[in-house]
Amino acid sequence: MSVLWKFYKRFDFRRISIENIVKRLNYICKEINIESEEGALKLIAKMSDGAMRDAISLLDRCVADGSSKILEEKVREYYQITLDK
């Protein structure tokens, strides 16, 4: 078993902050000429739970219909999220 440990690599991934995910999503939106609301990107970042790949996937699904804007209302509707009051 000790021989196998020589080839074993361990990666300890940490969750990415919501702020950093929002920054990256905003950058992506600008690069692909998609308008986005800050609230929509924050919501996507929260849903991704600190995983950048998941956040980008969620963003991709929001623009898959050909829309040029990502609105918070659209994200809530698409993912069936209700407002907490």
C-alpha atoms as a PDB file:
ATOM      1  CA  MET A   1       0.000   0.000   0.000  1.00  0.00           C
ATOM      2  CA  SER A   2       2.842   2.438   0.709  1.00  0.00           C
ATOM      3  CA  VAL A   3       3.948   2.202  -2.933  1.00  0.00           C
ATOM      4  CA  LEU A   4       0.552   3.512  -4.083  1.00  0.00           C
ATOM      5  CA  TRP A   5       0.846   6.561  -1.863  1.00  0.00           C
ATOM      6  CA  LYS A   6       3.788   7.745  -3.925  1.00  0.00           C
ATOM      7  CA  PHE A   7       1.469   8.185  -6.903  1.00  0.00           C
ATOM      8  CA  TYR A   8      -1.434   9.593  -4.962  1.00  0.00           C
ATOM      9  CA  LYS A   9      -2.008  13.317  -5.113  1.00  0.00           C
ATOM     10  CA  ARG A  10      -4.390  15.036  -2.808  1.00  0.00           C
ATOM     11  CA  PHE A  11      -6.118  18.271  -3.721  1.00  0.00           C
ATOM     12  CA  ASP A  12      -7.892  20.238  -1.044  1.00  0.00           C
ATOM     13  CA  PHE A  13     -10.275  22.555  -2.821  1.00  0.00           C
ATOM     14  CA  ARG A  14     -11.794  25.447  -0.955  1.00  0.00           C
ATOM     15  CA  ARG A  15     -15.062  27.153  -1.722  1.00  0.00           C
ATOM     16  CA  ILE A  16     -14.754  30.361  -3.713  1.00  0.00           C
ATOM     17  CA  SER A  17     -16.347  33.448  -2.210  1.00  0.00           C
ATOM     18  CA  ILE A  18     -19.591  34.786  -3.674  1.00  0.00           C
ATOM     19  CA  GLU A  19     -17.837  38.060  -4.490  1.00  0.00           C
ATOM     20  CA  ASN A  20     -15.129  36.330  -6.526  1.00  0.00           C
ATOM     21  CA  ILE A  21     -17.668  34.198  -8.374  1.00  0.00           C
ATOM     22  CA  VAL A  22     -19.731  37.306  -9.199  1.00  0.00           C
ATOM     23  CA  LYS A  23     -16.603  39.051 -10.523  1.00  0.00           C
ATOM     24  CA  ARG A  24     -15.786  36.121 -12.800  1.00  0.00           C
ATOM     25  CA  LEU A  25     -19.384  35.771 -14.023  1.00  0.00           C
ATOM     26  CA  ASN A  26     -19.465  39.498 -14.741  1.00  0.00           C
ATOM     27  CA  TYR A  27     -16.224  39.179 -16.719  1.00  0.00           C
ATOM     28  CA  ILE A  28     -17.649  36.257 -18.701  1.00  0.00           C
ATOM     29  CA  CYS A  29     -20.831  38.197 -19.467  1.00  0.00           C
ATOM     30  CA  LYS A  30     -18.828  41.150 -20.747  1.00  0.00           C
ATOM     31  CA  GLU A  31     -16.674  38.891 -22.928  1.00  0.00           C
ATOM     32  CA  ILE A  32     -19.719  37.314 -24.599  1.00  0.00           C
ATOM     33  CA  ASN A  33     -21.672  40.598 -24.797  1.00  0.00           C
ATOM     34  CA  ILE A  34     -24.416  39.605 -22.379  1.00  0.00           C
ATOM     35  CA  GLU A  35     -25.946  42.201 -20.071  1.00  0.00           C
ATOM     36  CA  SER A  36     -26.437  41.049 -16.497  1.00  0.00           C
ATOM     37  CA  GLU A  37     -27.915  42.340 -13.294  1.00  0.00           C
ATOM     38  CA  GLU A  38     -25.757  42.226 -10.192  1.00  0.00           C
ATOM     39  CA  GLY A  39     -28.603  40.518  -8.309  1.00  0.00           C
ATOM     40  CA  ALA A  40     -28.854  37.782 -10.937  1.00  0.00           C
ATOM     41  CA  LEU A  41     -25.138  37.034 -10.746  1.00  0.00           C
ATOM     42  CA  LYS A  42     -25.228  37.007  -6.927  1.00  0.00           C
ATOM     43  CA  LEU A  43     -28.104  34.556  -7.015  1.00  0.00           C
ATOM     44  CA  ILE A  44     -26.214  32.277  -9.398  1.00  0.00           C
ATOM     45  CA  ALA A  45     -23.114  32.530  -7.180  1.00  0.00           C
ATOM     46  CA  LYS A  46     -25.130  31.580  -4.094  1.00  0.00           C
ATOM     47  CA  MET A  47     -26.701  28.612  -5.876  1.00  0.00           C
ATOM     48  CA  SER A  48     -23.279  27.355  -6.939  1.00  0.00           C
ATOM     49  CA  ASP A  49     -22.244  26.976  -3.290  1.00  0.00           C
ATOM     50  CA  GLY A  50     -18.667  28.107  -3.871  1.00  0.00           C
ATOM     51  CA  ALA A  51     -17.998  26.055  -7.014  1.00  0.00           C
ATOM     52  CA  MET A  52     -16.940  28.118 -10.023  1.00  0.00           C
ATOM     53  CA  ARG A  53     -17.661  25.360 -12.530  1.00  0.00           C
ATOM     54  CA  ASP A  54     -21.220  25.044 -11.210  1.00  0.00           C
ATOM     55  CA  ALA A  55     -21.703  28.822 -11.380  1.00  0.00           C
ATOM     56  CA  ILE A  56     -20.556  28.930 -15.004  1.00  0.00           C
ATOM     57  CA  SER A  57     -22.870  26.023 -15.808  1.00  0.00           C
ATOM     58  CA  LEU A  58     -25.816  27.840 -14.233  1.00  0.00           C
ATOM     59  CA  LEU A  59     -24.916  30.994 -16.149  1.00  0.00           C
ATOM     60  CA  ASP A  60     -24.727  29.018 -19.375  1.00  0.00           C
ATOM     61  CA  ARG A  61     -28.224  27.632 -18.840  1.00  0.00           C
ATOM     62  CA  CYS A  62     -29.549  31.159 -18.325  1.00  0.00           C
ATOM     63  CA  VAL A  63     -28.326  32.297 -21.742  1.00  0.00           C
ATOM     64  CA  ALA A  64     -29.047  29.052 -23.589  1.00  0.00           C
ATOM     65  CA  ASP A  65     -32.351  30.464 -24.845  1.00  0.00           C
ATOM     66  CA  GLY A  66     -30.492  33.107 -26.851  1.00  0.00           C
ATOM     67  CA  SER A  67     -31.290  35.956 -24.497  1.00  0.00           C
ATOM     68  CA  SER A  68     -28.870  38.868 -24.334  1.00  0.00           C
ATOM     69  CA  LYS A  69     -29.772  39.803 -20.743  1.00  0.00           C
ATOM     70  CA  ILE A  70     -29.619  37.943 -17.471  1.00  0.00           C
ATOM     71  CA  LEU A  71     -32.148  39.361 -15.059  1.00  0.00           C
ATOM     72  CA  GLU A  72     -32.614  38.348 -11.442  1.00  0.00           C
ATOM     73  CA  GLU A  73     -36.303  37.702 -12.117  1.00  0.00           C
ATOM     74  CA  LYS A  74     -35.397  35.380 -14.989  1.00  0.00           C
ATOM     75  CA  VAL A  75     -32.941  33.431 -12.824  1.00  0.00           C
ATOM     76  CA  ARG A  76     -35.541  33.070 -10.050  1.00  0.00           C
ATOM     77  CA  GLU A  77     -38.162  31.909 -12.539  1.00  0.00           C
ATOM     78  CA  TYR A  78     -35.819  29.542 -14.349  1.00  0.00           C
ATOM     79  CA  TYR A  79     -34.638  27.854 -11.157  1.00  0.00           C
ATOM     80  CA  GLN A  80     -38.009  28.178  -9.381  1.00  0.00           C
ATOM     81  CA  ILE A  81     -36.711  30.293  -6.500  1.00  0.00           C
ATOM     82  CA  THR A  82     -39.200  32.254  -4.461  1.00  0.00           C
ATOM     83  CA  LEU A  83     -38.532  35.472  -2.579  1.00  0.00           C
ATOM     84  CA  ASP A  84     -38.177  35.065   1.182  1.00  0.00           C
ATOM     85  CA  LYS A  85     -40.228  37.560   3.126  1.00  0.00           C
END
